[in-house]
Amino acid sequence: MAAKILVVEDEAALCVTLRDRLRKEGYVIAVAKDGATGLERATNENFDLIVLDLMLPGKDGLAVCQELRQIGANTPILMLTARRETMDKVVGLKIGADDYVTKPFQMAELSARIESLLRRSSHTAEITGSHYRFGSIQIDTRRMEVLRDGKLVALSAREFRLLQYFVEHPGATLSREELLREVWGYDVAPSTRTVDVHVAWLRQKLEHDPKNPRSIITVVGLGYKFADQPSKLVQGLP
């Protein structure tokens, strides 16, 4: 079945270009031309991916992304940003966007990013459902839920996939290049800093002392290691 993509973009010419090009590639495309409409459609309809412009009339892309994550929506979000909006890119990733493309961009680059996000999302959806526990953390891979001390932790789809990869490879030293390849789907690393930033966010959300992590530790000069030995549970999250 063709993937269904929501494009939230107010620039008319770009919106038409995205719609027509992605349809030619076999995707089912829906369009929203402002943030409020995009949020409404993303909330009430099922999409496999959202292409979300940062600068939108009324409710901007950051607000849309944040509200979707706050209500528990795990749909992958690819954000479109202008070159000058460096700080907003960081904020966008921090509040739950999975990737971003800087305008102006080549359609080939956008298509590659979309394919990567859909591939990773599909991989996660195919998991039959494993449940892990380490310390005060519980993970349900089927429902893509994480609890800390019994309370739900808000993770983006990318953060969840990164955590899952760590948990599934306990004790192994994982290079940044491997994580970019296996979690982000990049054959050529755009920037290993991407991994460092996402690891820092996971530590903030999961570690009791993020500055002195005990679960996700740095292996200087090599990468990261998941130091806990998670228990694989038969039952799901309570």
C-alpha atoms as a PDB file:
ATOM      1  CA  MET A   1       0.000   0.000   0.000  1.00  0.00           C
ATOM      2  CA  ALA A   2       1.309   3.443  -0.932  1.00  0.00           C
ATOM      3  CA  ALA A   3       2.504   5.601   1.940  1.00  0.00           C
ATOM      4  CA  LYS A   4       0.272   8.563   2.775  1.00  0.00           C
ATOM      5  CA  ILE A   5       2.091  11.865   3.276  1.00  0.00           C
ATOM      6  CA  LEU A   6       0.748  15.154   4.615  1.00  0.00           C
ATOM      7  CA  VAL A   7       2.488  18.230   3.162  1.00  0.00           C
ATOM      8  CA  VAL A   8       2.017  21.360   5.292  1.00  0.00           C
ATOM      9  CA  GLU A   9       3.337  24.237   3.183  1.00  0.00           C
ATOM     10  CA  ASP A  10       1.967  27.721   2.495  1.00  0.00           C
ATOM     11  CA  GLU A  11       4.130  28.611  -0.505  1.00  0.00           C
ATOM     12  CA  ALA A  12       1.804  27.817  -3.407  1.00  0.00           C
ATOM     13  CA  ALA A  13       4.408  27.008  -6.063  1.00  0.00           C
ATOM     14  CA  LEU A  14       6.446  24.779  -3.770  1.00  0.00           C
ATOM     15  CA  CYS A  15       3.303  23.078  -2.530  1.00  0.00           C
ATOM     16  CA  VAL A  16       2.301  22.171  -6.094  1.00  0.00           C
ATOM     17  CA  THR A  17       5.820  20.964  -6.891  1.00  0.00           C
ATOM     18  CA  LEU A  18       5.966  18.752  -3.807  1.00  0.00           C
ATOM     19  CA  ARG A  19       2.500  17.350  -4.397  1.00  0.00           C
ATOM     20  CA  ASP A  20       3.081  16.519  -8.055  1.00  0.00           C
ATOM     21  CA  ARG A  21       6.593  15.112  -7.619  1.00  0.00           C
ATOM     22  CA  LEU A  22       5.717  12.924  -4.651  1.00  0.00           C
ATOM     23  CA  ARG A  23       2.586  11.639  -6.372  1.00  0.00           C
ATOM     24  CA  LYS A  24       4.739  10.627  -9.345  1.00  0.00           C
ATOM     25  CA  GLU A  25       6.895   8.657  -6.923  1.00  0.00           C
ATOM     26  CA  GLY A  26       3.840   6.702  -5.852  1.00  0.00           C
ATOM     27  CA  TYR A  27       2.856   8.411  -2.610  1.00  0.00           C
ATOM     28  CA  VAL A  28      -0.652   9.458  -1.638  1.00  0.00           C
ATOM     29  CA  ILE A  29      -0.439  13.182  -0.893  1.00  0.00           C
ATOM     30  CA  ALA A  30      -2.651  15.425   1.212  1.00  0.00           C
ATOM     31  CA  VAL A  31      -1.989  19.152   1.488  1.00  0.00           C
ATOM     32  CA  ALA A  32      -2.564  21.766   4.183  1.00  0.00           C
ATOM     33  CA  LYS A  33      -1.621  25.409   3.601  1.00  0.00           C
ATOM     34  CA  ASP A  34      -1.455  26.648   7.192  1.00  0.00           C
ATOM     35  CA  GLY A  35      -0.429  25.295  10.582  1.00  0.00           C
ATOM     36  CA  ALA A  36      -3.877  25.046  12.127  1.00  0.00           C
ATOM     37  CA  THR A  37      -5.246  23.016   9.211  1.00  0.00           C
ATOM     38  CA  GLY A  38      -2.149  20.855   9.186  1.00  0.00           C
ATOM     39  CA  LEU A  39      -2.494  20.129  12.891  1.00  0.00           C
ATOM     40  CA  GLU A  40      -6.169  19.281  12.519  1.00  0.00           C
ATOM     41  CA  ARG A  41      -5.548  16.870   9.647  1.00  0.00           C
ATOM     42  CA  ALA A  42      -2.542  15.275  11.330  1.00  0.00           C
ATOM     43  CA  THR A  43      -4.584  14.773  14.483  1.00  0.00           C
ATOM     44  CA  ASN A  44      -7.699  13.354  12.873  1.00  0.00           C
ATOM     45  CA  GLU A  45      -6.282  11.388   9.934  1.00  0.00           C
ATOM     46  CA  ASN A  46      -3.687   8.646   9.613  1.00  0.00           C
ATOM     47  CA  PHE A  47      -0.485   9.588   7.797  1.00  0.00           C
ATOM     48  CA  ASP A  48       2.779   7.707   7.372  1.00  0.00           C
ATOM     49  CA  LEU A  49       4.841  10.902   7.313  1.00  0.00           C
ATOM     50  CA  ILE A  50       4.421  14.671   7.606  1.00  0.00           C
ATOM     51  CA  VAL A  51       6.443  17.187   5.586  1.00  0.00           C
ATOM     52  CA  LEU A  52       6.135  20.331   7.687  1.00  0.00           C
ATOM     53  CA  ASP A  53       7.298  23.820   6.769  1.00  0.00           C
ATOM     54  CA  LEU A  54       8.748  25.788   9.657  1.00  0.00           C
ATOM     55  CA  MET A  55       7.378  29.194   8.678  1.00  0.00           C
ATOM     56  CA  LEU A  56       3.596  28.994   8.351  1.00  0.00           C
ATOM     57  CA  PRO A  57       0.829  31.591   8.754  1.00  0.00           C
ATOM     58  CA  GLY A  58      -0.866  31.555  12.133  1.00  0.00           C
ATOM     59  CA  LYS A  59       0.467  28.470  13.902  1.00  0.00           C
ATOM     60  CA  ASP A  60       4.061  27.846  12.829  1.00  0.00           C
ATOM     61  CA  GLY A  61       5.735  24.495  12.225  1.00  0.00           C
ATOM     62  CA  LEU A  62       7.400  24.376  15.635  1.00  0.00           C
ATOM     63  CA  ALA A  63       4.049  24.768  17.382  1.00  0.00           C
ATOM     64  CA  VAL A  64       2.440  22.116  15.178  1.00  0.00           C
ATOM     65  CA  CYS A  65       5.269  19.671  15.825  1.00  0.00           C
ATOM     66  CA  GLN A  66       5.230  20.287  19.571  1.00  0.00           C
ATOM     67  CA  GLU A  67       1.463  19.851  19.873  1.00  0.00           C
ATOM     68  CA  LEU A  68       1.535  16.609  17.893  1.00  0.00           C
ATOM     69  CA  ARG A  69       4.212  15.152  20.146  1.00  0.00           C
ATOM     70  CA  GLN A  70       2.432  16.329  23.271  1.00  0.00           C
ATOM     71  CA  ILE A  71      -0.678  14.363  22.320  1.00  0.00           C
ATOM     72  CA  GLY A  72       1.425  11.266  21.659  1.00  0.00           C
ATOM     73  CA  ALA A  73       1.502  11.301  17.838  1.00  0.00           C
ATOM     74  CA  ASN A  74       4.563   9.371  16.632  1.00  0.00           C
ATOM     75  CA  THR A  75       4.196  10.057  12.904  1.00  0.00           C
ATOM     76  CA  PRO A  76       7.647  10.865  11.458  1.00  0.00           C
ATOM     77  CA  ILE A  77       8.040  14.591  10.815  1.00  0.00           C
ATOM     78  CA  LEU A  78      10.391  16.022   8.167  1.00  0.00           C
ATOM     79  CA  MET A  79      10.747  19.760   8.678  1.00  0.00           C
ATOM     80  CA  LEU A  80      11.480  22.272   5.915  1.00  0.00           C
ATOM     81  CA  THR A  81      13.591  25.213   7.087  1.00  0.00           C
ATOM     82  CA  ALA A  82      15.318  28.236   5.583  1.00  0.00           C
ATOM     83  CA  ARG A  83      19.111  28.302   5.682  1.00  0.00           C
ATOM     84  CA  ARG A  84      19.196  31.135   8.235  1.00  0.00           C
ATOM     85  CA  GLU A  85      16.969  29.356  10.749  1.00  0.00           C
ATOM     86  CA  THR A  86      19.750  27.363  12.453  1.00  0.00           C
ATOM     87  CA  MET A  87      18.426  27.782  15.977  1.00  0.00           C
ATOM     88  CA  ASP A  88      14.925  26.797  14.915  1.00  0.00           C
ATOM     89  CA  LYS A  89      16.298  23.585  13.380  1.00  0.00           C
ATOM     90  CA  VAL A  90      17.768  22.639  16.746  1.00  0.00           C
ATOM     91  CA  VAL A  91      14.540  23.499  18.545  1.00  0.00           C
ATOM     92  CA  GLY A  92      12.531  21.552  15.973  1.00  0.00           C
ATOM     93  CA  LEU A  93      14.594  18.404  16.507  1.00  0.00           C
ATOM     94  CA  LYS A  94      14.429  18.851  20.260  1.00  0.00           C
ATOM     95  CA  ILE A  95      10.635  19.021  20.367  1.00  0.00           C
ATOM     96  CA  GLY A  96      10.174  15.999  18.164  1.00  0.00           C
ATOM     97  CA  ALA A  97      10.965  16.521  14.467  1.00  0.00           C
ATOM     98  CA  ASP A  98      12.801  13.507  13.052  1.00  0.00           C
ATOM     99  CA  ASP A  99      14.795  15.249  10.327  1.00  0.00           C
ATOM    100  CA  TYR A 100      14.970  18.495   8.382  1.00  0.00           C
ATOM    101  CA  VAL A 101      15.822  19.715   4.891  1.00  0.00           C
ATOM    102  CA  THR A 102      17.116  23.232   4.299  1.00  0.00           C
ATOM    103  CA  LYS A 103      15.567  25.399   1.574  1.00  0.00           C
ATOM    104  CA  PRO A 104      16.398  25.609  -1.255  1.00  0.00           C
ATOM    105  CA  PHE A 105      16.751  21.863  -1.688  1.00  0.00           C
ATOM    106  CA  GLN A 106      16.955  19.340  -4.480  1.00  0.00           C
ATOM    107  CA  MET A 107      13.939  17.072  -4.825  1.00  0.00           C
ATOM    108  CA  ALA A 108      16.285  14.080  -4.935  1.00  0.00           C
ATOM    109  CA  GLU A 109      17.533  14.975  -1.449  1.00  0.00           C
ATOM    110  CA  LEU A 110      14.003  15.387  -0.108  1.00  0.00           C
ATOM    111  CA  SER A 111      12.944  12.064  -1.633  1.00  0.00           C
ATOM    112  CA  ALA A 112      15.921  10.299  -0.066  1.00  0.00           C
ATOM    113  CA  ARG A 113      15.099  11.711   3.375  1.00  0.00           C
ATOM    114  CA  ILE A 114      11.451  10.688   3.003  1.00  0.00           C
ATOM    115  CA  GLU A 115      12.404   7.160   1.965  1.00  0.00           C
ATOM    116  CA  SER A 116      14.759   6.869   4.923  1.00  0.00           C
ATOM    117  CA  LEU A 117      12.151   8.006   7.443  1.00  0.00           C
ATOM    118  CA  LEU A 118       9.475   5.729   5.983  1.00  0.00           C
ATOM    119  CA  ARG A 119      11.862   2.768   5.976  1.00  0.00           C
ATOM    120  CA  ARG A 120      12.752   3.282   9.637  1.00  0.00           C
ATOM    121  CA  SER A 121       9.128   3.814  10.601  1.00  0.00           C
ATOM    122  CA  SER A 122       8.105   0.650   8.748  1.00  0.00           C
ATOM    123  CA  HIS A 123      10.837  -1.325  10.485  1.00  0.00           C
ATOM    124  CA  THR A 124       9.543  -0.217  13.867  1.00  0.00           C
ATOM    125  CA  ALA A 125       5.939  -1.030  12.944  1.00  0.00           C
ATOM    126  CA  GLU A 126       6.907  -4.567  11.913  1.00  0.00           C
ATOM    127  CA  ILE A 127       8.259  -5.390  15.367  1.00  0.00           C
ATOM    128  CA  THR A 128       6.015  -7.952  17.014  1.00  0.00           C
ATOM    129  CA  GLY A 129       6.371  -6.308  20.356  1.00  0.00           C
ATOM    130  CA  SER A 130       9.226  -6.554  22.826  1.00  0.00           C
ATOM    131  CA  HIS A 131       9.182  -5.173  26.342  1.00  0.00           C
ATOM    132  CA  TYR A 132      12.327  -4.186  28.206  1.00  0.00           C
ATOM    133  CA  ARG A 133      13.154  -2.935  31.667  1.00  0.00           C
ATOM    134  CA  PHE A 134      16.337  -1.361  33.020  1.00  0.00           C
ATOM    135  CA  GLY A 135      16.438   0.544  36.276  1.00  0.00           C
ATOM    136  CA  SER A 136      13.272   2.652  36.498  1.00  0.00           C
ATOM    137  CA  ILE A 137      12.758   2.558  32.714  1.00  0.00           C
ATOM    138  CA  GLN A 138      10.266   0.340  30.870  1.00  0.00           C
ATOM    139  CA  ILE A 139      10.032   0.141  27.070  1.00  0.00           C
ATOM    140  CA  ASP A 140       7.223  -1.200  24.891  1.00  0.00           C
ATOM    141  CA  THR A 141       8.512  -1.408  21.310  1.00  0.00           C
ATOM    142  CA  ARG A 142       5.135  -2.272  19.803  1.00  0.00           C
ATOM    143  CA  ARG A 143       3.320   0.719  21.270  1.00  0.00           C
ATOM    144  CA  MET A 144       6.474   2.873  21.090  1.00  0.00           C
ATOM    145  CA  GLU A 145       6.050   3.858  24.725  1.00  0.00           C
ATOM    146  CA  VAL A 146       8.608   4.515  27.426  1.00  0.00           C
ATOM    147  CA  LEU A 147       7.873   4.836  31.137  1.00  0.00           C
ATOM    148  CA  ARG A 148      10.184   6.309  33.735  1.00  0.00           C
ATOM    149  CA  ASP A 149       9.160   5.691  37.342  1.00  0.00           C
ATOM    150  CA  GLY A 150       5.756   4.720  35.976  1.00  0.00           C
ATOM    151  CA  LYS A 151       5.256   7.967  34.058  1.00  0.00           C
ATOM    152  CA  LEU A 152       5.091   8.242  30.272  1.00  0.00           C
ATOM    153  CA  VAL A 153       8.161   9.870  28.705  1.00  0.00           C
ATOM    154  CA  ALA A 154       7.606  11.918  25.528  1.00  0.00           C
ATOM    155  CA  LEU A 155      10.119  10.753  22.908  1.00  0.00           C
ATOM    156  CA  SER A 156      10.235  11.578  19.221  1.00  0.00           C
ATOM    157  CA  ALA A 157      10.195   8.645  16.808  1.00  0.00           C
ATOM    158  CA  ARG A 158      13.929   9.153  16.220  1.00  0.00           C
ATOM    159  CA  GLU A 159      14.729   9.239  19.938  1.00  0.00           C
ATOM    160  CA  PHE A 160      12.716   6.079  20.460  1.00  0.00           C
ATOM    161  CA  ARG A 161      14.493   4.281  17.629  1.00  0.00           C
ATOM    162  CA  LEU A 162      17.889   5.346  19.002  1.00  0.00           C
ATOM    163  CA  LEU A 163      16.989   4.104  22.478  1.00  0.00           C
ATOM    164  CA  GLN A 164      15.698   0.851  21.013  1.00  0.00           C
ATOM    165  CA  TYR A 165      18.948   0.324  19.133  1.00  0.00           C
ATOM    166  CA  PHE A 166      20.950   0.874  22.323  1.00  0.00           C
ATOM    167  CA  VAL A 167      18.784  -1.536  24.295  1.00  0.00           C
ATOM    168  CA  GLU A 168      19.041  -4.198  21.598  1.00  0.00           C
ATOM    169  CA  HIS A 169      22.868  -3.954  21.636  1.00  0.00           C
ATOM    170  CA  PRO A 170      23.786  -3.862  25.348  1.00  0.00           C
ATOM    171  CA  GLY A 171      27.489  -3.680  26.128  1.00  0.00           C
ATOM    172  CA  ALA A 172      28.503  -3.065  22.499  1.00  0.00           C
ATOM    173  CA  THR A 173      30.532  -0.010  21.591  1.00  0.00           C
ATOM    174  CA  LEU A 174      28.516   1.702  18.848  1.00  0.00           C
ATOM    175  CA  SER A 175      30.216   4.258  16.632  1.00  0.00           C
ATOM    176  CA  ARG A 176      28.441   7.415  15.573  1.00  0.00           C
ATOM    177  CA  GLU A 177      28.705   6.235  11.968  1.00  0.00           C
ATOM    178  CA  GLU A 178      26.949   2.959  12.813  1.00  0.00           C
ATOM    179  CA  LEU A 179      24.171   4.781  14.642  1.00  0.00           C
ATOM    180  CA  LEU A 180      23.678   7.192  11.738  1.00  0.00           C
ATOM    181  CA  ARG A 181      23.511   4.251   9.355  1.00  0.00           C
ATOM    182  CA  GLU A 182      21.230   2.005  11.402  1.00  0.00           C
ATOM    183  CA  VAL A 183      18.979   4.588  13.097  1.00  0.00           C
ATOM    184  CA  TRP A 184      18.961   7.462  10.605  1.00  0.00           C
ATOM    185  CA  GLY A 185      19.466   5.394   7.452  1.00  0.00           C
ATOM    186  CA  TYR A 186      22.350   7.515   6.169  1.00  0.00           C
ATOM    187  CA  ASP A 187      24.978   5.712   4.096  1.00  0.00           C
ATOM    188  CA  VAL A 188      27.076   8.875   4.090  1.00  0.00           C
ATOM    189  CA  ALA A 189      27.202  10.659   7.443  1.00  0.00           C
ATOM    190  CA  PRO A 190      26.001  14.295   7.169  1.00  0.00           C
ATOM    191  CA  SER A 191      27.277  15.133  10.654  1.00  0.00           C
ATOM    192  CA  THR A 192      28.109  12.918  13.604  1.00  0.00           C
ATOM    193  CA  ARG A 193      27.024  15.828  15.807  1.00  0.00           C
ATOM    194  CA  THR A 194      23.458  14.715  15.063  1.00  0.00           C
ATOM    195  CA  VAL A 195      24.058  11.590  17.156  1.00  0.00           C
ATOM    196  CA  ASP A 196      25.601  13.538  20.028  1.00  0.00           C
ATOM    197  CA  VAL A 197      22.620  15.884  20.210  1.00  0.00           C
ATOM    198  CA  HIS A 198      20.064  13.041  20.287  1.00  0.00           C
ATOM    199  CA  VAL A 199      22.064  11.117  22.896  1.00  0.00           C
ATOM    200  CA  ALA A 200      22.113  14.250  25.052  1.00  0.00           C
ATOM    201  CA  TRP A 201      18.319  14.540  24.783  1.00  0.00           C
ATOM    202  CA  LEU A 202      17.856  10.867  25.723  1.00  0.00           C
ATOM    203  CA  ARG A 203      20.048  11.368  28.766  1.00  0.00           C
ATOM    204  CA  GLN A 204      18.037  14.411  29.808  1.00  0.00           C
ATOM    205  CA  LYS A 205      14.824  12.407  29.632  1.00  0.00           C
ATOM    206  CA  LEU A 206      15.983   9.062  31.031  1.00  0.00           C
ATOM    207  CA  GLU A 207      19.057   9.456  33.226  1.00  0.00           C
ATOM    208  CA  HIS A 208      18.662  10.495  36.866  1.00  0.00           C
ATOM    209  CA  ASP A 209      21.887  12.494  36.531  1.00  0.00           C
ATOM    210  CA  PRO A 210      22.319  13.406  32.829  1.00  0.00           C
ATOM    211  CA  LYS A 211      25.761  14.928  33.428  1.00  0.00           C
ATOM    212  CA  ASN A 212      26.975  11.633  34.889  1.00  0.00           C
ATOM    213  CA  PRO A 213      25.079   9.046  32.839  1.00  0.00           C
ATOM    214  CA  ARG A 214      25.008   5.420  33.935  1.00  0.00           C
ATOM    215  CA  SER A 215      23.045   3.854  31.076  1.00  0.00           C
ATOM    216  CA  ILE A 216      24.202   5.554  27.857  1.00  0.00           C
ATOM    217  CA  ILE A 217      27.902   6.195  28.340  1.00  0.00           C
ATOM    218  CA  THR A 218      30.489   7.807  26.078  1.00  0.00           C
ATOM    219  CA  VAL A 219      33.396   5.714  24.853  1.00  0.00           C
ATOM    220  CA  VAL A 220      35.970   8.404  24.152  1.00  0.00           C
ATOM    221  CA  GLY A 221      37.169   8.406  20.561  1.00  0.00           C
ATOM    222  CA  LEU A 222      34.840   5.563  19.567  1.00  0.00           C
ATOM    223  CA  GLY A 223      31.172   6.329  20.224  1.00  0.00           C
ATOM    224  CA  TYR A 224      28.640   5.192  22.809  1.00  0.00           C
ATOM    225  CA  LYS A 225      27.789   2.112  24.834  1.00  0.00           C
ATOM    226  CA  PHE A 226      24.579   1.031  26.541  1.00  0.00           C
ATOM    227  CA  ALA A 227      25.966  -0.051  29.899  1.00  0.00           C
ATOM    228  CA  ASP A 228      22.804  -1.567  31.432  1.00  0.00           C
ATOM    229  CA  GLN A 229      21.700  -5.164  30.910  1.00  0.00           C
ATOM    230  CA  PRO A 230      17.984  -4.757  30.159  1.00  0.00           C
ATOM    231  CA  SER A 231      15.552  -7.481  31.124  1.00  0.00           C
ATOM    232  CA  LYS A 232      13.264  -8.624  28.323  1.00  0.00           C
ATOM    233  CA  LEU A 233       9.762  -8.931  29.723  1.00  0.00           C
ATOM    234  CA  VAL A 234       7.023 -11.342  28.728  1.00  0.00           C
ATOM    235  CA  GLN A 235       4.247  -8.931  29.669  1.00  0.00           C
ATOM    236  CA  GLY A 236       3.753  -5.428  28.278  1.00  0.00           C
ATOM    237  CA  LEU A 237       3.805  -2.177  30.156  1.00  0.00           C
ATOM    238  CA  PRO A 238       1.373  -1.944  33.043  1.00  0.00           C
END
